PDB file of all heavy atoms in Angstrom:
ATOM      1  N   GLN A   1       0.833  -1.180   0.000  1.00  0.00           N
ATOM      2  CA  GLN A   1       0.000   0.000   0.000  1.00  0.00           C
ATOM      3  C   GLN A   1       0.882   1.251   0.000  1.00  0.00           C
ATOM      4  O   GLN A   1       1.948   1.267   0.616  1.00  0.00           O
ATOM      5  CB  GLN A   1      -0.926   0.032   1.216  1.00  0.00           C
ATOM      6  CG  GLN A   1      -2.043  -0.989   1.184  1.00  0.00           C
ATOM      7  CD  GLN A   1      -1.560  -2.376   1.515  1.00  0.00           C
ATOM      8  OE1 GLN A   1      -1.776  -3.319   0.768  1.00  0.00           O
ATOM      9  NE2 GLN A   1      -0.887  -2.518   2.654  1.00  0.00           N
ATOM     10  N   VAL A   2       0.419   2.261  -0.695  1.00  0.00           N
ATOM     11  CA  VAL A   2       1.138   3.521  -0.812  1.00  0.00           C
ATOM     12  C   VAL A   2       0.202   4.625  -0.355  1.00  0.00           C
ATOM     13  O   VAL A   2      -0.911   4.747  -0.866  1.00  0.00           O
ATOM     14  CB  VAL A   2       1.591   3.786  -2.257  1.00  0.00           C
ATOM     15  CG1 VAL A   2       2.400   5.080  -2.334  1.00  0.00           C
ATOM     16  CG2 VAL A   2       2.397   2.609  -2.794  1.00  0.00           C
ATOM     17  N   VAL A   3       0.649   5.433   0.582  1.00  0.00           N
ATOM     18  CA  VAL A   3      -0.185   6.495   1.126  1.00  0.00           C
ATOM     19  C   VAL A   3       0.587   7.804   1.133  1.00  0.00           C
ATOM     20  O   VAL A   3       1.648   7.901   1.745  1.00  0.00           O
ATOM     21  CB  VAL A   3      -0.668   6.167   2.548  1.00  0.00           C
ATOM     22  CG1 VAL A   3      -1.540   7.303   3.083  1.00  0.00           C
ATOM     23  CG2 VAL A   3      -1.444   4.858   2.563  1.00  0.00           C
ATOM     24  N   GLU A   4       0.033   8.821   0.467  1.00  0.00           N
ATOM     25  CA  GLU A   4       0.617  10.154   0.452  1.00  0.00           C
ATOM     26  C   GLU A   4      -0.086  11.044   1.466  1.00  0.00           C
ATOM     27  O   GLU A   4      -1.261  10.845   1.779  1.00  0.00           O
ATOM     28  CB  GLU A   4       0.490  10.816  -0.926  1.00  0.00           C
ATOM     29  CG  GLU A   4       0.938   9.971  -2.095  1.00  0.00           C
ATOM     30  CD  GLU A   4      -0.214   9.265  -2.772  1.00  0.00           C
ATOM     31  OE1 GLU A   4      -1.232   8.984  -2.114  1.00  0.00           O
ATOM     32  OE2 GLU A   4      -0.088   8.984  -3.986  1.00  0.00           O
ATOM     33  N   SER A   5       0.633  12.041   1.924  1.00  0.00           N
ATOM     34  CA  SER A   5       0.051  13.032   2.803  1.00  0.00           C
ATOM     35  C   SER A   5       0.836  14.326   2.678  1.00  0.00           C
ATOM     36  O   SER A   5       1.937  14.347   2.138  1.00  0.00           O
ATOM     37  CB  SER A   5       0.045  12.553   4.258  1.00  0.00           C
ATOM     38  OG  SER A   5       1.367  12.345   4.730  1.00  0.00           O
ATOM     39  N   GLY A   6       0.259  15.397   3.180  1.00  0.00           N
ATOM     40  CA  GLY A   6       0.961  16.664   3.247  1.00  0.00           C
ATOM     41  C   GLY A   6       0.509  17.716   2.262  1.00  0.00           C
ATOM     42  O   GLY A   6       1.014  18.843   2.288  1.00  0.00           O
ATOM     43  N   GLY A   7      -0.427  17.372   1.388  1.00  0.00           N
ATOM     44  CA  GLY A   7      -0.917  18.352   0.438  1.00  0.00           C
ATOM     45  C   GLY A   7      -1.740  19.426   1.123  1.00  0.00           C
ATOM     46  O   GLY A   7      -2.112  19.319   2.289  1.00  0.00           O
ATOM     47  N   GLY A   8      -2.025  20.470   0.378  1.00  0.00           N
ATOM     48  CA  GLY A   8      -2.816  21.558   0.916  1.00  0.00           C
ATOM     49  C   GLY A   8      -2.794  22.760   0.014  1.00  0.00           C
ATOM     50  O   GLY A   8      -2.374  22.694  -1.149  1.00  0.00           O
ATOM     51  N   LEU A   9      -3.253  23.866   0.551  1.00  0.00           N
ATOM     52  CA  LEU A   9      -3.314  25.140  -0.158  1.00  0.00           C
ATOM     53  C   LEU A   9      -2.177  26.027   0.320  1.00  0.00           C
ATOM     54  O   LEU A   9      -1.989  26.216   1.524  1.00  0.00           O
ATOM     55  CB  LEU A   9      -4.659  25.820   0.095  1.00  0.00           C
ATOM     56  CG  LEU A   9      -4.850  27.212  -0.488  1.00  0.00           C
ATOM     57  CD1 LEU A   9      -4.807  27.174  -2.003  1.00  0.00           C
ATOM     58  CD2 LEU A   9      -6.162  27.802   0.010  1.00  0.00           C
ATOM     59  N   VAL A  10      -1.440  26.577  -0.627  1.00  0.00           N
ATOM     60  CA  VAL A  10      -0.311  27.430  -0.298  1.00  0.00           C
ATOM     61  C   VAL A  10      -0.234  28.564  -1.309  1.00  0.00           C
ATOM     62  O   VAL A  10      -0.625  28.408  -2.467  1.00  0.00           O
ATOM     63  CB  VAL A  10       1.001  26.608  -0.273  1.00  0.00           C
ATOM     64  CG1 VAL A  10       1.326  26.053  -1.654  1.00  0.00           C
ATOM     65  CG2 VAL A  10       2.162  27.431   0.266  1.00  0.00           C
ATOM     66  N   GLN A  11       0.254  29.701  -0.870  1.00  0.00           N
ATOM     67  CA  GLN A  11       0.441  30.829  -1.774  1.00  0.00           C
ATOM     68  C   GLN A  11       1.682  30.637  -2.627  1.00  0.00           C
ATOM     69  O   GLN A  11       2.629  29.945  -2.234  1.00  0.00           O
ATOM     70  CB  GLN A  11       0.558  32.135  -0.991  1.00  0.00           C
ATOM     71  CG  GLN A  11      -0.730  32.592  -0.329  1.00  0.00           C
ATOM     72  CD  GLN A  11      -0.580  33.936   0.330  1.00  0.00           C
ATOM     73  OE1 GLN A  11       0.404  34.211   1.007  1.00  0.00           O
ATOM     74  NE2 GLN A  11      -1.564  34.798   0.121  1.00  0.00           N
ATOM     75  N   ALA A  12       1.672  31.243  -3.793  1.00  0.00           N
ATOM     76  CA  ALA A  12       2.843  31.205  -4.660  1.00  0.00           C
ATOM     77  C   ALA A  12       4.082  31.674  -3.903  1.00  0.00           C
ATOM     78  O   ALA A  12       4.035  32.663  -3.172  1.00  0.00           O
ATOM     79  CB  ALA A  12       2.616  32.060  -5.897  1.00  0.00           C
ATOM     80  N   GLY A  13       5.172  30.948  -4.091  1.00  0.00           N
ATOM     81  CA  GLY A  13       6.401  31.232  -3.379  1.00  0.00           C
ATOM     82  C   GLY A  13       6.555  30.471  -2.084  1.00  0.00           C
ATOM     83  O   GLY A  13       7.652  30.459  -1.500  1.00  0.00           O
ATOM     84  N   GLY A  14       5.497  29.825  -1.646  1.00  0.00           N
ATOM     85  CA  GLY A  14       5.535  29.077  -0.412  1.00  0.00           C
ATOM     86  C   GLY A  14       6.068  27.675  -0.594  1.00  0.00           C
ATOM     87  O   GLY A  14       6.517  27.290  -1.672  1.00  0.00           O
ATOM     88  N   SER A  15       5.984  26.904   0.478  1.00  0.00           N
ATOM     89  CA  SER A  15       6.540  25.559   0.496  1.00  0.00           C
ATOM     90  C   SER A  15       5.559  24.566   1.087  1.00  0.00           C
ATOM     91  O   SER A  15       4.719  24.914   1.917  1.00  0.00           O
ATOM     92  CB  SER A  15       7.831  25.516   1.328  1.00  0.00           C
ATOM     93  OG  SER A  15       8.834  26.352   0.783  1.00  0.00           O
ATOM     94  N   LEU A  16       5.686  23.342   0.640  1.00  0.00           N
ATOM     95  CA  LEU A  16       4.985  22.215   1.224  1.00  0.00           C
ATOM     96  C   LEU A  16       5.920  21.026   1.231  1.00  0.00           C
ATOM     97  O   LEU A  16       6.813  20.924   0.381  1.00  0.00           O
ATOM     98  CB  LEU A  16       3.727  21.847   0.432  1.00  0.00           C
ATOM     99  CG  LEU A  16       2.490  22.719   0.570  1.00  0.00           C
ATOM    100  CD1 LEU A  16       1.429  22.263  -0.430  1.00  0.00           C
ATOM    101  CD2 LEU A  16       1.940  22.659   1.984  1.00  0.00           C
ATOM    102  N   ARG A  17       5.690  20.127   2.160  1.00  0.00           N
ATOM    103  CA  ARG A  17       6.448  18.889   2.216  1.00  0.00           C
ATOM    104  C   ARG A  17       5.463  17.734   2.161  1.00  0.00           C
ATOM    105  O   ARG A  17       4.629  17.582   3.056  1.00  0.00           O
ATOM    106  CB  ARG A  17       7.288  18.811   3.486  1.00  0.00           C
ATOM    107  CG  ARG A  17       8.208  17.586   3.547  1.00  0.00           C
ATOM    108  CD  ARG A  17       9.083  17.616   4.792  1.00  0.00           C
ATOM    109  NE  ARG A  17       9.953  16.460   4.908  1.00  0.00           N
ATOM    110  CZ  ARG A  17      11.166  16.375   4.387  1.00  0.00           C
ATOM    111  NH1 ARG A  17      11.671  17.390   3.697  1.00  0.00           N
ATOM    112  NH2 ARG A  17      11.896  15.275   4.557  1.00  0.00           N
ATOM    113  N   LEU A  18       5.574  16.933   1.124  1.00  0.00           N
ATOM    114  CA  LEU A  18       4.749  15.758   0.974  1.00  0.00           C
ATOM    115  C   LEU A  18       5.482  14.547   1.516  1.00  0.00           C
ATOM    116  O   LEU A  18       6.703  14.436   1.398  1.00  0.00           O
ATOM    117  CB  LEU A  18       4.400  15.515  -0.495  1.00  0.00           C
ATOM    118  CG  LEU A  18       3.750  16.667  -1.255  1.00  0.00           C
ATOM    119  CD1 LEU A  18       3.421  16.224  -2.676  1.00  0.00           C
ATOM    120  CD2 LEU A  18       2.506  17.168  -0.539  1.00  0.00           C
ATOM    121  N   SER A  19       4.722  13.642   2.092  1.00  0.00           N
ATOM    122  CA  SER A  19       5.284  12.407   2.602  1.00  0.00           C
ATOM    123  C   SER A  19       4.571  11.227   1.971  1.00  0.00           C
ATOM    124  O   SER A  19       3.403  11.307   1.606  1.00  0.00           O
ATOM    125  CB  SER A  19       5.158  12.332   4.125  1.00  0.00           C
ATOM    126  OG  SER A  19       5.929  13.332   4.749  1.00  0.00           O
ATOM    127  N   CYS A  20       5.291  10.131   1.864  1.00  0.00           N
ATOM    128  CA  CYS A  20       4.749   8.907   1.305  1.00  0.00           C
ATOM    129  C   CYS A  20       5.248   7.745   2.134  1.00  0.00           C
ATOM    130  O   CYS A  20       6.444   7.674   2.451  1.00  0.00           O
ATOM    131  CB  CYS A  20       5.180   8.752  -0.151  1.00  0.00           C
ATOM    132  SG  CYS A  20       4.700   7.197  -0.924  1.00  0.00           S
ATOM    133  N   ALA A  21       4.357   6.842   2.457  1.00  0.00           N
ATOM    134  CA  ALA A  21       4.718   5.682   3.246  1.00  0.00           C
ATOM    135  C   ALA A  21       4.254   4.408   2.560  1.00  0.00           C
ATOM    136  O   ALA A  21       3.141   4.345   2.032  1.00  0.00           O
ATOM    137  CB  ALA A  21       4.112   5.770   4.642  1.00  0.00           C
ATOM    138  N   LEU A  22       5.115   3.411   2.565  1.00  0.00           N
ATOM    139  CA  LEU A  22       4.758   2.085   2.093  1.00  0.00           C
ATOM    140  C   LEU A  22       4.401   1.203   3.269  1.00  0.00           C
ATOM    141  O   LEU A  22       5.004   1.293   4.335  1.00  0.00           O
ATOM    142  CB  LEU A  22       5.908   1.433   1.335  1.00  0.00           C
ATOM    143  CG  LEU A  22       6.394   2.069   0.042  1.00  0.00           C
ATOM    144  CD1 LEU A  22       7.457   1.188  -0.592  1.00  0.00           C
ATOM    145  CD2 LEU A  22       5.241   2.285  -0.923  1.00  0.00           C
ATOM    146  N   SER A  23       3.439   0.340   3.061  1.00  0.00           N
ATOM    147  CA  SER A  23       3.090  -0.644   4.065  1.00  0.00           C
ATOM    148  C   SER A  23       2.726  -1.949   3.377  1.00  0.00           C
ATOM    149  O   SER A  23       2.524  -1.997   2.172  1.00  0.00           O
ATOM    150  CB  SER A  23       1.941  -0.162   4.944  1.00  0.00           C
ATOM    151  OG  SER A  23       0.769   0.043   4.178  1.00  0.00           O
ATOM    152  N   GLY A  24       2.658  -3.001   4.166  1.00  0.00           N
ATOM    153  CA  GLY A  24       2.370  -4.304   3.612  1.00  0.00           C
ATOM    154  C   GLY A  24       3.643  -5.082   3.352  1.00  0.00           C
ATOM    155  O   GLY A  24       4.542  -5.098   4.193  1.00  0.00           O
ATOM    156  N   ARG A  25       3.739  -5.681   2.190  1.00  0.00           N
ATOM    157  CA  ARG A  25       4.880  -6.516   1.838  1.00  0.00           C
ATOM    158  C   ARG A  25       6.007  -5.656   1.283  1.00  0.00           C
ATOM    159  O   ARG A  25       6.193  -5.543   0.072  1.00  0.00           O
ATOM    160  CB  ARG A  25       4.450  -7.581   0.836  1.00  0.00           C
ATOM    161  CG  ARG A  25       3.373  -8.503   1.382  1.00  0.00           C
ATOM    162  CD  ARG A  25       2.884  -9.480   0.342  1.00  0.00           C
ATOM    163  NE  ARG A  25       1.789 -10.294   0.846  1.00  0.00           N
ATOM    164  CZ  ARG A  25       1.124 -11.181   0.136  1.00  0.00           C
ATOM    165  NH1 ARG A  25       1.445 -11.385  -1.140  1.00  0.00           N
ATOM    166  NH2 ARG A  25       0.135 -11.864   0.679  1.00  0.00           N
ATOM    167  N   THR A  26       6.759  -5.085   2.206  1.00  0.00           N
ATOM    168  CA  THR A  26       7.776  -4.102   1.837  1.00  0.00           C
ATOM    169  C   THR A  26       9.186  -4.569   2.153  1.00  0.00           C
ATOM    170  O   THR A  26      10.083  -3.750   2.352  1.00  0.00           O
ATOM    171  CB  THR A  26       7.495  -2.767   2.535  1.00  0.00           C
ATOM    172  OG1 THR A  26       7.464  -2.963   3.949  1.00  0.00           O
ATOM    173  CG2 THR A  26       6.171  -2.185   2.071  1.00  0.00           C
ATOM    174  N   SER A  27       9.401  -5.866   2.198  1.00  0.00           N
ATOM    175  CA  SER A  27      10.740  -6.379   2.465  1.00  0.00           C
ATOM    176  C   SER A  27      11.699  -6.109   1.314  1.00  0.00           C
ATOM    177  O   SER A  27      12.909  -6.060   1.516  1.00  0.00           O
ATOM    178  CB  SER A  27      10.683  -7.875   2.762  1.00  0.00           C
ATOM    179  OG  SER A  27      10.140  -8.598   1.674  1.00  0.00           O
ATOM    180  N   THR A  28      11.172  -5.957   0.125  1.00  0.00           N
ATOM    181  CA  THR A  28      11.974  -5.644  -1.050  1.00  0.00           C
ATOM    182  C   THR A  28      12.118  -4.138  -1.196  1.00  0.00           C
ATOM    183  O   THR A  28      11.167  -3.400  -0.956  1.00  0.00           O
ATOM    184  CB  THR A  28      11.328  -6.228  -2.315  1.00  0.00           C
ATOM    185  OG1 THR A  28      11.207  -7.645  -2.179  1.00  0.00           O
ATOM    186  CG2 THR A  28      12.153  -5.917  -3.549  1.00  0.00           C
ATOM    187  N   SER A  29      13.296  -3.698  -1.593  1.00  0.00           N
ATOM    188  CA  SER A  29      13.509  -2.281  -1.859  1.00  0.00           C
ATOM    189  C   SER A  29      12.793  -1.869  -3.138  1.00  0.00           C
ATOM    190  O   SER A  29      12.722  -2.632  -4.100  1.00  0.00           O
ATOM    191  CB  SER A  29      14.997  -1.979  -1.978  1.00  0.00           C
ATOM    192  OG  SER A  29      15.669  -2.225  -0.757  1.00  0.00           O
ATOM    193  N   TYR A  30      12.275  -0.657  -3.131  1.00  0.00           N
ATOM    194  CA  TYR A  30      11.560  -0.131  -4.281  1.00  0.00           C
ATOM    195  C   TYR A  30      12.104   1.222  -4.690  1.00  0.00           C
ATOM    196  O   TYR A  30      12.506   2.021  -3.840  1.00  0.00           O
ATOM    197  CB  TYR A  30      10.070   0.049  -3.958  1.00  0.00           C
ATOM    198  CG  TYR A  30       9.318  -1.241  -3.769  1.00  0.00           C
ATOM    199  CD1 TYR A  30       9.158  -1.785  -2.504  1.00  0.00           C
ATOM    200  CD2 TYR A  30       8.766  -1.903  -4.854  1.00  0.00           C
ATOM    201  CE1 TYR A  30       8.460  -2.970  -2.329  1.00  0.00           C
ATOM    202  CE2 TYR A  30       8.073  -3.082  -4.685  1.00  0.00           C
ATOM    203  CZ  TYR A  30       7.919  -3.616  -3.418  1.00  0.00           C
ATOM    204  OH  TYR A  30       7.227  -4.786  -3.249  1.00  0.00           O
ATOM    205  N   THR A  31      12.110   1.440  -5.987  1.00  0.00           N
ATOM    206  CA  THR A  31      12.215   2.806  -6.465  1.00  0.00           C
ATOM    207  C   THR A  31      10.962   3.560  -6.035  1.00  0.00           C
ATOM    208  O   THR A  31       9.850   3.036  -6.154  1.00  0.00           O
ATOM    209  CB  THR A  31      12.344   2.834  -7.994  1.00  0.00           C
ATOM    210  OG1 THR A  31      13.620   2.319  -8.365  1.00  0.00           O
ATOM    211  CG2 THR A  31      12.196   4.242  -8.535  1.00  0.00           C
ATOM    212  N   MET A  32      11.154   4.763  -5.549  1.00  0.00           N
ATOM    213  CA  MET A  32      10.040   5.592  -5.132  1.00  0.00           C
ATOM    214  C   MET A  32       9.999   6.827  -6.010  1.00  0.00           C
ATOM    215  O   MET A  32      11.008   7.508  -6.176  1.00  0.00           O
ATOM    216  CB  MET A  32      10.179   6.006  -3.669  1.00  0.00           C
ATOM    217  CG  MET A  32      10.262   4.834  -2.700  1.00  0.00           C
ATOM    218  SD  MET A  32       8.737   3.859  -2.647  1.00  0.00           S
ATOM    219  CE  MET A  32       7.594   5.081  -2.003  1.00  0.00           C
ATOM    220  N   GLY A  33       8.836   7.092  -6.541  1.00  0.00           N
ATOM    221  CA  GLY A  33       8.682   8.222  -7.433  1.00  0.00           C
ATOM    222  C   GLY A  33       7.489   9.082  -7.083  1.00  0.00           C
ATOM    223  O   GLY A  33       6.549   8.636  -6.421  1.00  0.00           O
ATOM    224  N   TRP A  34       7.566  10.312  -7.519  1.00  0.00           N
ATOM    225  CA  TRP A  34       6.456  11.248  -7.406  1.00  0.00           C
ATOM    226  C   TRP A  34       6.025  11.679  -8.802  1.00  0.00           C
ATOM    227  O   TRP A  34       6.867  12.012  -9.643  1.00  0.00           O
ATOM    228  CB  TRP A  34       6.831  12.488  -6.599  1.00  0.00           C
ATOM    229  CG  TRP A  34       6.987  12.250  -5.135  1.00  0.00           C
ATOM    230  CD1 TRP A  34       8.142  11.991  -4.461  1.00  0.00           C
ATOM    231  CD2 TRP A  34       5.944  12.269  -4.162  1.00  0.00           C
ATOM    232  NE1 TRP A  34       7.888  11.846  -3.126  1.00  0.00           N
ATOM    233  CE2 TRP A  34       6.542  12.010  -2.912  1.00  0.00           C
ATOM    234  CE3 TRP A  34       4.574  12.480  -4.214  1.00  0.00           C
ATOM    235  CZ2 TRP A  34       5.812  11.954  -1.725  1.00  0.00           C
ATOM    236  CZ3 TRP A  34       3.840  12.424  -3.035  1.00  0.00           C
ATOM    237  CH2 TRP A  34       4.460  12.168  -1.818  1.00  0.00           C
ATOM    238  N   PHE A  35       4.731  11.660  -9.019  1.00  0.00           N
ATOM    239  CA  PHE A  35       4.125  12.129 -10.245  1.00  0.00           C
ATOM    240  C   PHE A  35       3.006  13.090  -9.888  1.00  0.00           C
ATOM    241  O   PHE A  35       2.524  13.097  -8.755  1.00  0.00           O
ATOM    242  CB  PHE A  35       3.575  10.956 -11.063  1.00  0.00           C
ATOM    243  CG  PHE A  35       4.629   9.991 -11.524  1.00  0.00           C
ATOM    244  CD1 PHE A  35       5.147   9.031 -10.665  1.00  0.00           C
ATOM    245  CD2 PHE A  35       5.116  10.041 -12.827  1.00  0.00           C
ATOM    246  CE1 PHE A  35       6.122   8.139 -11.084  1.00  0.00           C
ATOM    247  CE2 PHE A  35       6.087   9.151 -13.259  1.00  0.00           C
ATOM    248  CZ  PHE A  35       6.594   8.207 -12.388  1.00  0.00           C
ATOM    249  N   ARG A  36       2.593  13.867 -10.847  1.00  0.00           N
ATOM    250  CA  ARG A  36       1.481  14.770 -10.598  1.00  0.00           C
ATOM    251  C   ARG A  36       0.586  14.837 -11.818  1.00  0.00           C
ATOM    252  O   ARG A  36       1.009  14.586 -12.944  1.00  0.00           O
ATOM    253  CB  ARG A  36       1.972  16.171 -10.211  1.00  0.00           C
ATOM    254  CG  ARG A  36       2.701  16.918 -11.318  1.00  0.00           C
ATOM    255  CD  ARG A  36       3.281  18.210 -10.781  1.00  0.00           C
ATOM    256  NE  ARG A  36       3.928  18.996 -11.820  1.00  0.00           N
ATOM    257  CZ  ARG A  36       4.623  20.106 -11.597  1.00  0.00           C
ATOM    258  NH1 ARG A  36       4.758  20.567 -10.353  1.00  0.00           N
ATOM    259  NH2 ARG A  36       5.174  20.756 -12.606  1.00  0.00           N
ATOM    260  N   GLN A  37      -0.651  15.202 -11.565  1.00  0.00           N
ATOM    261  CA  GLN A  37      -1.625  15.294 -12.636  1.00  0.00           C
ATOM    262  C   GLN A  37      -2.554  16.471 -12.372  1.00  0.00           C
ATOM    263  O   GLN A  37      -3.248  16.511 -11.360  1.00  0.00           O
ATOM    264  CB  GLN A  37      -2.428  14.003 -12.750  1.00  0.00           C
ATOM    265  CG  GLN A  37      -3.320  13.946 -13.973  1.00  0.00           C
ATOM    266  CD  GLN A  37      -3.831  12.545 -14.240  1.00  0.00           C
ATOM    267  OE1 GLN A  37      -3.845  11.703 -13.351  1.00  0.00           O
ATOM    268  NE2 GLN A  37      -4.243  12.292 -15.465  1.00  0.00           N
ATOM    269  N   ALA A  38      -2.541  17.397 -13.292  1.00  0.00           N
ATOM    270  CA  ALA A  38      -3.440  18.535 -13.244  1.00  0.00           C
ATOM    271  C   ALA A  38      -4.707  18.201 -14.018  1.00  0.00           C
ATOM    272  O   ALA A  38      -4.700  17.324 -14.889  1.00  0.00           O
ATOM    273  CB  ALA A  38      -2.766  19.769 -13.834  1.00  0.00           C
ATOM    274  N   PRO A  39      -5.809  18.890 -13.732  1.00  0.00           N
ATOM    275  CA  PRO A  39      -7.058  18.616 -14.435  1.00  0.00           C
ATOM    276  C   PRO A  39      -6.898  18.709 -15.949  1.00  0.00           C
ATOM    277  O   PRO A  39      -6.327  19.671 -16.463  1.00  0.00           O
ATOM    278  CB  PRO A  39      -8.006  19.694 -13.912  1.00  0.00           C
ATOM    279  CG  PRO A  39      -7.474  20.020 -12.556  1.00  0.00           C
ATOM    280  CD  PRO A  39      -5.979  19.922 -12.691  1.00  0.00           C
ATOM    281  N   GLY A  40      -7.376  17.697 -16.641  1.00  0.00           N
ATOM    282  CA  GLY A  40      -7.323  17.686 -18.086  1.00  0.00           C
ATOM    283  C   GLY A  40      -5.973  17.360 -18.684  1.00  0.00           C
ATOM    284  O   GLY A  40      -5.828  17.393 -19.910  1.00  0.00           O
ATOM    285  N   LYS A  41      -4.991  17.055 -17.858  1.00  0.00           N
ATOM    286  CA  LYS A  41      -3.657  16.753 -18.349  1.00  0.00           C
ATOM    287  C   LYS A  41      -3.245  15.339 -17.958  1.00  0.00           C
ATOM    288  O   LYS A  41      -3.799  14.744 -17.037  1.00  0.00           O
ATOM    289  CB  LYS A  41      -2.640  17.759 -17.802  1.00  0.00           C
ATOM    290  CG  LYS A  41      -2.873  19.189 -18.254  1.00  0.00           C
ATOM    291  CD  LYS A  41      -1.783  20.107 -17.753  1.00  0.00           C
ATOM    292  CE  LYS A  41      -1.986  21.527 -18.231  1.00  0.00           C
ATOM    293  NZ  LYS A  41      -0.917  22.435 -17.736  1.00  0.00           N
ATOM    294  N   GLU A  42      -2.257  14.830 -18.667  1.00  0.00           N
ATOM    295  CA  GLU A  42      -1.727  13.516 -18.349  1.00  0.00           C
ATOM    296  C   GLU A  42      -0.789  13.591 -17.155  1.00  0.00           C
ATOM    297  O   GLU A  42      -0.258  14.652 -16.822  1.00  0.00           O
ATOM    298  CB  GLU A  42      -1.004  12.929 -19.557  1.00  0.00           C
ATOM    299  CG  GLU A  42      -1.917  12.637 -20.727  1.00  0.00           C
ATOM    300  CD  GLU A  42      -1.219  11.894 -21.834  1.00  0.00           C
ATOM    301  OE1 GLU A  42       0.019  11.740 -21.783  1.00  0.00           O
ATOM    302  OE2 GLU A  42      -1.913  11.450 -22.761  1.00  0.00           O
ATOM    303  N   ARG A  43      -0.599  12.449 -16.543  1.00  0.00           N
ATOM    304  CA  ARG A  43       0.273  12.376 -15.393  1.00  0.00           C
ATOM    305  C   ARG A  43       1.716  12.690 -15.793  1.00  0.00           C
ATOM    306  O   ARG A  43       2.222  12.193 -16.799  1.00  0.00           O
ATOM    307  CB  ARG A  43       0.178  10.999 -14.753  1.00  0.00           C
ATOM    308  CG  ARG A  43       0.686  10.943 -13.328  1.00  0.00           C
ATOM    309  CD  ARG A  43       0.122   9.716 -12.603  1.00  0.00           C
ATOM    310  NE  ARG A  43      -1.322   9.792 -12.460  1.00  0.00           N
ATOM    311  CZ  ARG A  43      -2.049   8.910 -11.783  1.00  0.00           C
ATOM    312  NH1 ARG A  43      -1.462   7.879 -11.181  1.00  0.00           N
ATOM    313  NH2 ARG A  43      -3.361   9.056 -11.715  1.00  0.00           N
ATOM    314  N   GLU A  44       2.383  13.494 -14.974  1.00  0.00           N
ATOM    315  CA  GLU A  44       3.707  14.018 -15.269  1.00  0.00           C
ATOM    316  C   GLU A  44       4.713  13.556 -14.223  1.00  0.00           C
ATOM    317  O   GLU A  44       4.440  13.581 -13.020  1.00  0.00           O
ATOM    318  CB  GLU A  44       3.653  15.554 -15.297  1.00  0.00           C
ATOM    319  CG  GLU A  44       4.992  16.240 -15.459  1.00  0.00           C
ATOM    320  CD  GLU A  44       4.919  17.735 -15.223  1.00  0.00           C
ATOM    321  OE1 GLU A  44       3.911  18.202 -14.644  1.00  0.00           O
ATOM    322  OE2 GLU A  44       5.854  18.451 -15.617  1.00  0.00           O
TER     323      GLU A  44
END
C-alpha cells in the first residue's frame, strides 16, 4: 500500500512537504517516485 500526505493550499512562493509511506509486503527495496496530474492533463 502507498499512502501520500501533506498536500494543501499554499500561496505562490511558499513551500509544502509531501510524505509517502509504504506498508504491507515491503521487504523488497523499491524505487520511489512522485508524479502529478493537473485537471485535463496527463500524469507528469
